[in-house]
């Protein structure tokens, strides 16, 4: 009987860890997507008064952490591409590391 409870406990743990990994994975991708969307809108010279553009920019800046002004090239558009691109890569690396850690718990 103890063996059945242990197997059932492992099954529940595996499902919970899988669900947590799924949430972490999608959240990391969503953060990177917001940052990349901000880069695309900036490179495309989107209207800053547009609701979508202002929404994405409003979320992108805090998600970029300290990367939003890491490099200061002469061209402001290049600065957005480099800085927010580095921030997106950072979040993808963090996502990968956290997913590895979560999956080791299974």
PDB file of N, CA and C in Angstrom:
ATOM      1  N   UNK A   1       0.827  -1.191   0.000  1.00  0.00           N
ATOM      2  CA  UNK A   1       0.000   0.000   0.000  1.00  0.00           C
ATOM      3  C   UNK A   1       0.872   1.256   0.000  1.00  0.00           C
ATOM      4  N   UNK A   2       1.973   1.220   0.717  1.00  0.00           N
ATOM      5  CA  UNK A   2       2.876   2.368   0.748  1.00  0.00           C
ATOM      6  C   UNK A   2       3.482   2.609  -0.622  1.00  0.00           C
ATOM      7  N   UNK A   3       3.696   1.508  -1.389  1.00  0.00           N
ATOM      8  CA  UNK A   3       4.244   1.662  -2.732  1.00  0.00           C
ATOM      9  C   UNK A   3       3.274   2.403  -3.635  1.00  0.00           C
ATOM     10  N   UNK A   4       1.982   2.117  -3.502  1.00  0.00           N
ATOM     11  CA  UNK A   4       0.974   2.808  -4.315  1.00  0.00           C
ATOM     12  C   UNK A   4       0.913   4.286  -3.975  1.00  0.00           C
ATOM     13  N   UNK A   5       1.016   4.615  -2.688  1.00  0.00           N
ATOM     14  CA  UNK A   5       0.997   6.016  -2.290  1.00  0.00           C
ATOM     15  C   UNK A   5       2.233   6.740  -2.797  1.00  0.00           C
ATOM     16  N   UNK A   6       3.367   6.077  -2.789  1.00  0.00           N
ATOM     17  CA  UNK A   6       4.598   6.684  -3.282  1.00  0.00           C
ATOM     18  C   UNK A   6       4.507   6.922  -4.781  1.00  0.00           C
ATOM     19  N   UNK A   7       3.996   5.944  -5.513  1.00  0.00           N
ATOM     20  CA  UNK A   7       3.839   6.096  -6.962  1.00  0.00           C
ATOM     21  C   UNK A   7       2.833   7.196  -7.276  1.00  0.00           C
ATOM     22  N   UNK A   8       1.757   7.249  -6.507  1.00  0.00           N
ATOM     23  CA  UNK A   8       0.757   8.296  -6.718  1.00  0.00           C
ATOM     24  C   UNK A   8       1.343   9.665  -6.395  1.00  0.00           C
ATOM     25  N   UNK A   9       2.146   9.723  -5.345  1.00  0.00           N
ATOM     26  CA  UNK A   9       2.791  10.984  -4.978  1.00  0.00           C
ATOM     27  C   UNK A   9       3.749  11.460  -6.046  1.00  0.00           C
ATOM     28  N   UNK A  10       4.482  10.523  -6.652  1.00  0.00           N
ATOM     29  CA  UNK A  10       5.389  10.885  -7.742  1.00  0.00           C
ATOM     30  C   UNK A  10       4.615  11.378  -8.953  1.00  0.00           C
ATOM     31  N   UNK A  11       3.481  10.750  -9.208  1.00  0.00           N
ATOM     32  CA  UNK A  11       2.658  11.176 -10.343  1.00  0.00           C
ATOM     33  C   UNK A  11       2.137  12.592 -10.161  1.00  0.00           C
ATOM     34  N   UNK A  12       1.695  12.900  -8.953  1.00  0.00           N
ATOM     35  CA  UNK A  12       1.207  14.252  -8.664  1.00  0.00           C
ATOM     36  C   UNK A  12       2.350  15.247  -8.761  1.00  0.00           C
ATOM     37  N   UNK A  13       3.489  14.877  -8.209  1.00  0.00           N
ATOM     38  CA  UNK A  13       4.654  15.773  -8.248  1.00  0.00           C
ATOM     39  C   UNK A  13       5.075  16.043  -9.690  1.00  0.00           C
ATOM     40  N   UNK A  14       5.075  15.009 -10.510  1.00  0.00           N
ATOM     41  CA  UNK A  14       5.443  15.170 -11.917  1.00  0.00           C
ATOM     42  C   UNK A  14       4.476  16.103 -12.630  1.00  0.00           C
ATOM     43  N   UNK A  15       3.184  15.968 -12.338  1.00  0.00           N
ATOM     44  CA  UNK A  15       2.184  16.841 -12.967  1.00  0.00           C
ATOM     45  C   UNK A  15       2.351  18.290 -12.517  1.00  0.00           C
ATOM     46  N   UNK A  16       2.609  18.488 -11.236  1.00  0.00           N
ATOM     47  CA  UNK A  16       2.784  19.847 -10.713  1.00  0.00           C
ATOM     48  C   UNK A  16       4.035  20.487 -11.303  1.00  0.00           C
ATOM     49  N   UNK A  17       5.125  19.738 -11.329  1.00  0.00           N
ATOM     50  CA  UNK A  17       6.366  20.268 -11.898  1.00  0.00           C
ATOM     51  C   UNK A  17       6.177  20.565 -13.378  1.00  0.00           C
ATOM     52  N   UNK A  18       5.464  19.701 -14.086  1.00  0.00           N
ATOM     53  CA  UNK A  18       5.180  19.943 -15.500  1.00  0.00           C
ATOM     54  C   UNK A  18       4.362  21.204 -15.706  1.00  0.00           C
ATOM     55  N   UNK A  19       3.372  21.416 -14.839  1.00  0.00           N
ATOM     56  CA  UNK A  19       2.547  22.625 -14.944  1.00  0.00           C
ATOM     57  C   UNK A  19       3.372  23.876 -14.652  1.00  0.00           C
ATOM     58  N   UNK A  20       4.204  23.813 -13.625  1.00  0.00           N
ATOM     59  CA  UNK A  20       5.061  24.956 -13.290  1.00  0.00           C
ATOM     60  C   UNK A  20       6.024  25.239 -14.435  1.00  0.00           C
ATOM     61  N   UNK A  21       6.598  24.188 -15.007  1.00  0.00           N
ATOM     62  CA  UNK A  21       7.514  24.368 -16.137  1.00  0.00           C
ATOM     63  C   UNK A  21       6.791  24.996 -17.321  1.00  0.00           C
ATOM     64  N   UNK A  22       5.563  24.589 -17.550  1.00  0.00           N
ATOM     65  CA  UNK A  22       4.786  25.181 -18.637  1.00  0.00           C
ATOM     66  C   UNK A  22       4.538  26.665 -18.424  1.00  0.00           C
ATOM     67  N   UNK A  23       4.167  27.030 -17.212  1.00  0.00           N
ATOM     68  CA  UNK A  23       3.917  28.444 -16.899  1.00  0.00           C
ATOM     69  C   UNK A  23       5.201  29.257 -17.035  1.00  0.00           C
ATOM     70  N   UNK A  24       6.296  28.737 -16.502  1.00  0.00           N
ATOM     71  CA  UNK A  24       7.581  29.444 -16.597  1.00  0.00           C
ATOM     72  C   UNK A  24       7.996  29.600 -18.054  1.00  0.00           C
ATOM     73  N   UNK A  25       7.838  28.543 -18.822  1.00  0.00           N
ATOM     74  CA  UNK A  25       8.215  28.595 -20.233  1.00  0.00           C
ATOM     75  C   UNK A  25       7.428  29.631 -21.006  1.00  0.00           C
ATOM     76  N   UNK A  26       6.114  29.617 -20.848  1.00  0.00           N
ATOM     77  CA  UNK A  26       5.279  30.586 -21.566  1.00  0.00           C
ATOM     78  C   UNK A  26       5.516  32.004 -21.077  1.00  0.00           C
ATOM     79  N   UNK A  27       5.725  32.184 -19.773  1.00  0.00           N
ATOM     80  CA  UNK A  27       5.981  33.529 -19.245  1.00  0.00           C
ATOM     81  C   UNK A  27       7.288  34.089 -19.799  1.00  0.00           C
ATOM     82  N   UNK A  28       8.316  33.268 -19.842  1.00  0.00           N
ATOM     83  CA  UNK A  28       9.596  33.715 -20.400  1.00  0.00           C
ATOM     84  C   UNK A  28       9.483  34.090 -21.864  1.00  0.00           C
ATOM     85  N   UNK A  29       8.737  33.292 -22.616  1.00  0.00           N
ATOM     86  CA  UNK A  29       8.532  33.615 -24.031  1.00  0.00           C
ATOM     87  C   UNK A  29       7.716  34.892 -24.199  1.00  0.00           C
ATOM     88  N   UNK A  30       6.721  35.083 -23.342  1.00  0.00           N
ATOM     89  CA  UNK A  30       5.890  36.288 -23.431  1.00  0.00           C
ATOM     90  C   UNK A  30       6.720  37.544 -23.171  1.00  0.00           C
ATOM     91  N   UNK A  31       7.600  37.489 -22.188  1.00  0.00           N
ATOM     92  CA  UNK A  31       8.459  38.638 -21.889  1.00  0.00           C
ATOM     93  C   UNK A  31       9.360  38.946 -23.079  1.00  0.00           C
ATOM     94  N   UNK A  32       9.990  37.912 -23.628  1.00  0.00           N
ATOM     95  CA  UNK A  32      10.861  38.113 -24.794  1.00  0.00           C
ATOM     96  C   UNK A  32      10.063  38.638 -25.980  1.00  0.00           C
ATOM     97  N   UNK A  33       8.847  38.150 -26.157  1.00  0.00           N
ATOM     98  CA  UNK A  33       8.001  38.603 -27.265  1.00  0.00           C
ATOM     99  C   UNK A  33       7.653  40.084 -27.136  1.00  0.00           C
ATOM    100  N   UNK A  34       7.357  40.543 -25.929  1.00  0.00           N
ATOM    101  CA  UNK A  34       7.066  41.968 -25.718  1.00  0.00           C
ATOM    102  C   UNK A  34       8.285  42.810 -26.088  1.00  0.00           C
ATOM    103  N   UNK A  35       9.458  42.375 -25.681  1.00  0.00           N
ATOM    104  CA  UNK A  35      10.680  43.125 -25.989  1.00  0.00           C
ATOM    105  C   UNK A  35      10.958  43.143 -27.492  1.00  0.00           C
ATOM    106  N   UNK A  36      10.777  42.016 -28.148  1.00  0.00           N
ATOM    107  CA  UNK A  36      10.987  41.956 -29.601  1.00  0.00           C
ATOM    108  C   UNK A  36       9.931  42.789 -30.323  1.00  0.00           C
ATOM    109  N   UNK A  37       8.693  42.759 -29.845  1.00  0.00           N
ATOM    110  CA  UNK A  37       7.644  43.579 -30.457  1.00  0.00           C
ATOM    111  C   UNK A  37       7.997  45.058 -30.350  1.00  0.00           C
ATOM    112  N   UNK A  38       8.552  45.463 -29.221  1.00  0.00           N
ATOM    113  CA  UNK A  38       8.971  46.859 -29.058  1.00  0.00           C
ATOM    114  C   UNK A  38      10.061  47.218 -30.065  1.00  0.00           C
ATOM    115  N   UNK A  39      11.000  46.314 -30.274  1.00  0.00           N
ATOM    116  CA  UNK A  39      12.058  46.546 -31.263  1.00  0.00           C
ATOM    117  C   UNK A  39      11.454  46.677 -32.657  1.00  0.00           C
ATOM    118  N   UNK A  40      10.556  45.776 -33.016  1.00  0.00           N
ATOM    119  CA  UNK A  40       9.936  45.808 -34.348  1.00  0.00           C
ATOM    120  C   UNK A  40       9.150  47.099 -34.548  1.00  0.00           C
ATOM    121  N   UNK A  41       8.390  47.503 -33.550  1.00  0.00           N
ATOM    122  CA  UNK A  41       7.609  48.739 -33.665  1.00  0.00           C
ATOM    123  C   UNK A  41       8.520  49.959 -33.768  1.00  0.00           C
ATOM    124  N   UNK A  42       9.626  49.939 -33.064  1.00  0.00           N
ATOM    125  CA  UNK A  42      10.568  51.058 -33.125  1.00  0.00           C
ATOM    126  C   UNK A  42      11.261  51.117 -34.478  1.00  0.00           C
ATOM    127  N   UNK A  43      11.738  49.983 -34.950  1.00  0.00           N
ATOM    128  CA  UNK A  43      12.419  49.938 -36.249  1.00  0.00           C
ATOM    129  C   UNK A  43      11.457  50.320 -37.369  1.00  0.00           C
ATOM    130  N   UNK A  44      10.202  49.922 -37.230  1.00  0.00           N
ATOM    131  CA  UNK A  44       9.192  50.253 -38.234  1.00  0.00           C
ATOM    132  C   UNK A  44       8.637  51.656 -38.100  1.00  0.00           C
ATOM    133  N   UNK A  45       9.148  52.432 -37.171  1.00  0.00           N
ATOM    134  CA  UNK A  45       8.704  53.811 -36.932  1.00  0.00           C
ATOM    135  C   UNK A  45       7.200  53.878 -36.685  1.00  0.00           C
ATOM    136  N   UNK A  46       6.714  53.003 -35.806  1.00  0.00           N
ATOM    137  CA  UNK A  46       5.298  52.996 -35.454  1.00  0.00           C
ATOM    138  C   UNK A  46       4.933  54.298 -34.744  1.00  0.00           C
ATOM    139  N   UNK A  47       3.702  54.715 -34.920  1.00  0.00           N
ATOM    140  CA  UNK A  47       3.195  55.936 -34.306  1.00  0.00           C
ATOM    141  C   UNK A  47       3.220  55.775 -32.780  1.00  0.00           C
ATOM    142  N   UNK A  48       4.001  56.582 -32.058  1.00  0.00           N
ATOM    143  CA  UNK A  48       4.085  56.436 -30.601  1.00  0.00           C
ATOM    144  C   UNK A  48       2.782  56.768 -29.882  1.00  0.00           C
ATOM    145  N   UNK A  49       1.858  57.458 -30.552  1.00  0.00           N
ATOM    146  CA  UNK A  49       0.575  57.781 -29.938  1.00  0.00           C
ATOM    147  C   UNK A  49      -0.451  56.665 -30.109  1.00  0.00           C
ATOM    148  N   UNK A  50      -0.123  55.657 -30.909  1.00  0.00           N
ATOM    149  CA  UNK A  50      -1.013  54.525 -31.120  1.00  0.00           C
ATOM    150  C   UNK A  50      -1.114  53.721 -29.833  1.00  0.00           C
ATOM    151  N   UNK A  51      -2.293  53.207 -29.548  1.00  0.00           N
ATOM    152  CA  UNK A  51      -2.517  52.457 -28.316  1.00  0.00           C
ATOM    153  C   UNK A  51      -1.661  51.212 -28.190  1.00  0.00           C
ATOM    154  N   UNK A  52      -1.521  50.479 -29.283  1.00  0.00           N
ATOM    155  CA  UNK A  52      -0.718  49.257 -29.249  1.00  0.00           C
ATOM    156  C   UNK A  52       0.746  49.593 -28.998  1.00  0.00           C
ATOM    157  N   UNK A  53       1.232  50.593 -29.717  1.00  0.00           N
ATOM    158  CA  UNK A  53       2.637  50.982 -29.568  1.00  0.00           C
ATOM    159  C   UNK A  53       2.925  51.451 -28.149  1.00  0.00           C
ATOM    160  N   UNK A  54       2.050  52.278 -27.602  1.00  0.00           N
ATOM    161  CA  UNK A  54       2.283  52.779 -26.242  1.00  0.00           C
ATOM    162  C   UNK A  54       2.134  51.664 -25.208  1.00  0.00           C
ATOM    163  N   UNK A  55       1.217  50.725 -25.453  1.00  0.00           N
ATOM    164  CA  UNK A  55       1.052  49.587 -24.545  1.00  0.00           C
ATOM    165  C   UNK A  55       2.320  48.736 -24.512  1.00  0.00           C
ATOM    166  N   UNK A  56       2.826  48.396 -25.701  1.00  0.00           N
ATOM    167  CA  UNK A  56       4.034  47.564 -25.788  1.00  0.00           C
ATOM    168  C   UNK A  56       5.225  48.298 -25.180  1.00  0.00           C
ATOM    169  N   UNK A  57       5.375  49.582 -25.495  1.00  0.00           N
ATOM    170  CA  UNK A  57       6.493  50.355 -24.945  1.00  0.00           C
ATOM    171  C   UNK A  57       6.387  50.456 -23.424  1.00  0.00           C
ATOM    172  N   UNK A  58       5.163  50.604 -22.925  1.00  0.00           N
ATOM    173  CA  UNK A  58       4.957  50.690 -21.481  1.00  0.00           C
ATOM    174  C   UNK A  58       5.358  49.420 -20.747  1.00  0.00           C
ATOM    175  N   UNK A  59       5.151  48.282 -21.369  1.00  0.00           N
ATOM    176  CA  UNK A  59       5.549  47.016 -20.766  1.00  0.00           C
ATOM    177  C   UNK A  59       7.016  46.699 -21.018  1.00  0.00           C
ATOM    178  N   UNK A  60       7.532  47.117 -22.170  1.00  0.00           N
ATOM    179  CA  UNK A  60       8.900  46.750 -22.545  1.00  0.00           C
ATOM    180  C   UNK A  60       9.939  47.386 -21.628  1.00  0.00           C
ATOM    181  N   UNK A  61       9.748  48.634 -21.281  1.00  0.00           N
ATOM    182  CA  UNK A  61      10.782  49.322 -20.491  1.00  0.00           C
ATOM    183  C   UNK A  61      11.029  48.644 -19.144  1.00  0.00           C
ATOM    184  N   UNK A  62      10.004  48.353 -18.331  1.00  0.00           N
ATOM    185  CA  UNK A  62      10.312  47.682 -17.062  1.00  0.00           C
ATOM    186  C   UNK A  62      10.829  46.252 -17.249  1.00  0.00           C
ATOM    187  N   UNK A  63      10.390  45.571 -18.314  1.00  0.00           N
ATOM    188  CA  UNK A  63      10.861  44.212 -18.558  1.00  0.00           C
ATOM    189  C   UNK A  63      12.308  44.179 -19.037  1.00  0.00           C
ATOM    190  N   UNK A  64      12.784  45.301 -19.568  1.00  0.00           N
ATOM    191  CA  UNK A  64      14.174  45.374 -20.031  1.00  0.00           C
ATOM    192  C   UNK A  64      15.154  45.507 -18.870  1.00  0.00           C
ATOM    193  N   UNK A  65      14.632  45.694 -17.666  1.00  0.00           N
ATOM    194  CA  UNK A  65      15.460  45.859 -16.466  1.00  0.00           C
ATOM    195  C   UNK A  65      16.483  46.961 -16.693  1.00  0.00           C
ATOM    196  N   UNK A  66      17.730  46.714 -16.457  1.00  0.00           N
ATOM    197  CA  UNK A  66      18.761  47.734 -16.643  1.00  0.00           C
ATOM    198  C   UNK A  66      19.334  47.771 -18.043  1.00  0.00           C
ATOM    199  N   UNK A  67      18.799  46.951 -18.930  1.00  0.00           N
ATOM    200  CA  UNK A  67      19.347  46.865 -20.277  1.00  0.00           C
ATOM    201  C   UNK A  67      18.879  47.989 -21.199  1.00  0.00           C
ATOM    202  N   UNK A  68      17.819  48.707 -20.833  1.00  0.00           N
ATOM    203  CA  UNK A  68      17.236  49.700 -21.742  1.00  0.00           C
ATOM    204  C   UNK A  68      18.206  50.819 -22.111  1.00  0.00           C
ATOM    205  N   UNK A  69      19.206  51.054 -21.283  1.00  0.00           N
ATOM    206  CA  UNK A  69      20.191  52.094 -21.609  1.00  0.00           C
ATOM    207  C   UNK A  69      21.626  51.576 -21.455  1.00  0.00           C
ATOM    208  N   UNK A  70      21.806  50.291 -21.675  1.00  0.00           N
ATOM    209  CA  UNK A  70      23.124  49.675 -21.523  1.00  0.00           C
ATOM    210  C   UNK A  70      24.123  50.233 -22.528  1.00  0.00           C
ATOM    211  N   UNK A  71      23.722  50.314 -23.776  1.00  0.00           N
ATOM    212  CA  UNK A  71      24.558  50.884 -24.831  1.00  0.00           C
ATOM    213  C   UNK A  71      23.923  52.183 -25.298  1.00  0.00           C
ATOM    214  N   UNK A  72      24.741  53.152 -25.679  1.00  0.00           N
ATOM    215  CA  UNK A  72      24.231  54.455 -26.105  1.00  0.00           C
ATOM    216  C   UNK A  72      24.823  54.847 -27.460  1.00  0.00           C
ATOM    217  N   UNK A  73      24.418  54.157 -28.531  1.00  0.00           N
ATOM    218  CA  UNK A  73      24.933  54.537 -29.849  1.00  0.00           C
ATOM    219  C   UNK A  73      24.336  55.866 -30.307  1.00  0.00           C
ATOM    220  N   UNK A  74      24.938  56.464 -31.316  1.00  0.00           N
ATOM    221  CA  UNK A  74      24.442  57.740 -31.851  1.00  0.00           C
ATOM    222  C   UNK A  74      23.001  57.614 -32.348  1.00  0.00           C
ATOM    223  N   UNK A  75      22.707  56.519 -33.028  1.00  0.00           N
ATOM    224  CA  UNK A  75      21.376  56.295 -33.590  1.00  0.00           C
ATOM    225  C   UNK A  75      20.462  55.708 -32.507  1.00  0.00           C
ATOM    226  N   UNK A  76      19.374  56.410 -32.193  1.00  0.00           N
ATOM    227  CA  UNK A  76      18.456  55.962 -31.140  1.00  0.00           C
ATOM    228  C   UNK A  76      17.791  54.638 -31.496  1.00  0.00           C
ATOM    229  N   UNK A  77      17.467  54.443 -32.775  1.00  0.00           N
ATOM    230  CA  UNK A  77      16.841  53.190 -33.198  1.00  0.00           C
ATOM    231  C   UNK A  77      17.791  52.020 -32.981  1.00  0.00           C
ATOM    232  N   UNK A  78      19.046  52.214 -33.309  1.00  0.00           N
ATOM    233  CA  UNK A  78      20.043  51.170 -33.078  1.00  0.00           C
ATOM    234  C   UNK A  78      20.158  50.869 -31.584  1.00  0.00           C
ATOM    235  N   UNK A  79      20.056  51.896 -30.770  1.00  0.00           N
ATOM    236  CA  UNK A  79      20.095  51.698 -29.322  1.00  0.00           C
ATOM    237  C   UNK A  79      18.963  50.817 -28.836  1.00  0.00           C
ATOM    238  N   UNK A  80      17.760  51.034 -29.376  1.00  0.00           N
ATOM    239  CA  UNK A  80      16.615  50.203 -28.994  1.00  0.00           C
ATOM    240  C   UNK A  80      16.836  48.765 -29.450  1.00  0.00           C
ATOM    241  N   UNK A  81      17.309  48.598 -30.684  1.00  0.00           N
ATOM    242  CA  UNK A  81      17.543  47.247 -31.214  1.00  0.00           C
ATOM    243  C   UNK A  81      18.540  46.495 -30.338  1.00  0.00           C
ATOM    244  N   UNK A  82      19.658  47.125 -30.046  1.00  0.00           N
ATOM    245  CA  UNK A  82      20.710  46.450 -29.278  1.00  0.00           C
ATOM    246  C   UNK A  82      20.275  46.230 -27.834  1.00  0.00           C
ATOM    247  N   UNK A  83      19.819  47.270 -27.167  1.00  0.00           N
ATOM    248  CA  UNK A  83      19.506  47.166 -25.745  1.00  0.00           C
ATOM    249  C   UNK A  83      18.331  46.240 -25.465  1.00  0.00           C
ATOM    250  N   UNK A  84      17.247  46.407 -26.196  1.00  0.00           N
ATOM    251  CA  UNK A  84      16.081  45.560 -25.967  1.00  0.00           C
ATOM    252  C   UNK A  84      16.306  44.156 -26.523  1.00  0.00           C
ATOM    253  N   UNK A  85      17.145  44.034 -27.547  1.00  0.00           N
ATOM    254  CA  UNK A  85      17.521  42.711 -28.041  1.00  0.00           C
ATOM    255  C   UNK A  85      18.323  41.940 -27.009  1.00  0.00           C
ATOM    256  N   UNK A  86      19.263  42.614 -26.368  1.00  0.00           N
ATOM    257  CA  UNK A  86      20.047  41.982 -25.300  1.00  0.00           C
ATOM    258  C   UNK A  86      19.128  41.593 -24.142  1.00  0.00           C
ATOM    259  N   UNK A  87      18.168  42.453 -23.822  1.00  0.00           N
ATOM    260  CA  UNK A  87      17.224  42.136 -22.746  1.00  0.00           C
ATOM    261  C   UNK A  87      16.397  40.900 -23.095  1.00  0.00           C
ATOM    262  N   UNK A  88      15.952  40.794 -24.343  1.00  0.00           N
ATOM    263  CA  UNK A  88      15.184  39.618 -24.766  1.00  0.00           C
ATOM    264  C   UNK A  88      16.034  38.352 -24.655  1.00  0.00           C
ATOM    265  N   UNK A  89      17.283  38.431 -25.084  1.00  0.00           N
ATOM    266  CA  UNK A  89      18.181  37.276 -24.955  1.00  0.00           C
ATOM    267  C   UNK A  89      18.400  36.910 -23.489  1.00  0.00           C
ATOM    268  N   UNK A  90      18.543  37.922 -22.647  1.00  0.00           N
ATOM    269  CA  UNK A  90      18.703  37.688 -21.211  1.00  0.00           C
ATOM    270  C   UNK A  90      17.521  36.893 -20.669  1.00  0.00           C
ATOM    271  N   UNK A  91      16.298  37.320 -21.016  1.00  0.00           N
ATOM    272  CA  UNK A  91      15.114  36.631 -20.512  1.00  0.00           C
ATOM    273  C   UNK A  91      15.002  35.209 -21.049  1.00  0.00           C
ATOM    274  N   UNK A  92      15.437  34.987 -22.289  1.00  0.00           N
ATOM    275  CA  UNK A  92      15.412  33.625 -22.828  1.00  0.00           C
ATOM    276  C   UNK A  92      16.418  32.725 -22.104  1.00  0.00           C
ATOM    277  N   UNK A  93      17.570  33.271 -21.744  1.00  0.00           N
ATOM    278  CA  UNK A  93      18.561  32.501 -20.982  1.00  0.00           C
ATOM    279  C   UNK A  93      18.032  32.211 -19.581  1.00  0.00           C
ATOM    280  N   UNK A  94      17.442  33.218 -18.935  1.00  0.00           N
ATOM    281  CA  UNK A  94      16.863  33.018 -17.599  1.00  0.00           C
ATOM    282  C   UNK A  94      15.770  31.955 -17.665  1.00  0.00           C
ATOM    283  N   UNK A  95      14.928  32.037 -18.679  1.00  0.00           N
ATOM    284  CA  UNK A  95      13.854  31.055 -18.876  1.00  0.00           C
ATOM    285  C   UNK A  95      14.437  29.653 -18.970  1.00  0.00           C
ATOM    286  N   UNK A  96      15.480  29.504 -19.764  1.00  0.00           N
ATOM    287  CA  UNK A  96      16.104  28.199 -19.953  1.00  0.00           C
ATOM    288  C   UNK A  96      16.680  27.658 -18.645  1.00  0.00           C
ATOM    289  N   UNK A  97      17.366  28.507 -17.909  1.00  0.00           N
ATOM    290  CA  UNK A  97      17.965  28.076 -16.643  1.00  0.00           C
ATOM    291  C   UNK A  97      16.903  27.699 -15.613  1.00  0.00           C
ATOM    292  N   UNK A  98      15.843  28.500 -15.528  1.00  0.00           N
ATOM    293  CA  UNK A  98      14.776  28.205 -14.569  1.00  0.00           C
ATOM    294  C   UNK A  98      14.054  26.920 -14.959  1.00  0.00           C
ATOM    295  N   UNK A  99      13.832  26.712 -16.255  1.00  0.00           N
ATOM    296  CA  UNK A  99      13.192  25.471 -16.695  1.00  0.00           C
ATOM    297  C   UNK A  99      14.039  24.251 -16.341  1.00  0.00           C
ATOM    298  N   UNK A 100      15.347  24.344 -16.509  1.00  0.00           N
ATOM    299  CA  UNK A 100      16.225  23.230 -16.137  1.00  0.00           C
ATOM    300  C   UNK A 100      16.135  22.949 -14.645  1.00  0.00           C
ATOM    301  N   UNK A 101      16.113  24.012 -13.856  1.00  0.00           N
ATOM    302  CA  UNK A 101      16.019  23.854 -12.410  1.00  0.00           C
ATOM    303  C   UNK A 101      14.687  23.225 -12.007  1.00  0.00           C
ATOM    304  N   UNK A 102      13.605  23.695 -12.591  1.00  0.00           N
ATOM    305  CA  UNK A 102      12.278  23.168 -12.265  1.00  0.00           C
ATOM    306  C   UNK A 102      12.178  21.702 -12.669  1.00  0.00           C
ATOM    307  N   UNK A 103      12.688  21.362 -13.830  1.00  0.00           N
ATOM    308  CA  UNK A 103      12.597  19.970 -14.298  1.00  0.00           C
ATOM    309  C   UNK A 103      13.455  19.022 -13.469  1.00  0.00           C
ATOM    310  N   UNK A 104      14.505  19.529 -12.865  1.00  0.00           N
ATOM    311  CA  UNK A 104      15.318  18.675 -11.986  1.00  0.00           C
ATOM    312  C   UNK A 104      14.559  18.292 -10.733  1.00  0.00           C
ATOM    313  N   UNK A 105      13.563  19.071 -10.371  1.00  0.00           N
ATOM    314  CA  UNK A 105      12.758  18.769  -9.189  1.00  0.00           C
ATOM    315  C   UNK A 105      11.826  17.588  -9.427  1.00  0.00           C
ATOM    316  N   UNK A 106      11.594  17.260 -10.690  1.00  0.00           N
ATOM    317  CA  UNK A 106      10.656  16.174 -11.016  1.00  0.00           C
ATOM    318  C   UNK A 106      11.225  14.816 -10.684  1.00  0.00           C
TER     319      UNK A 106
END
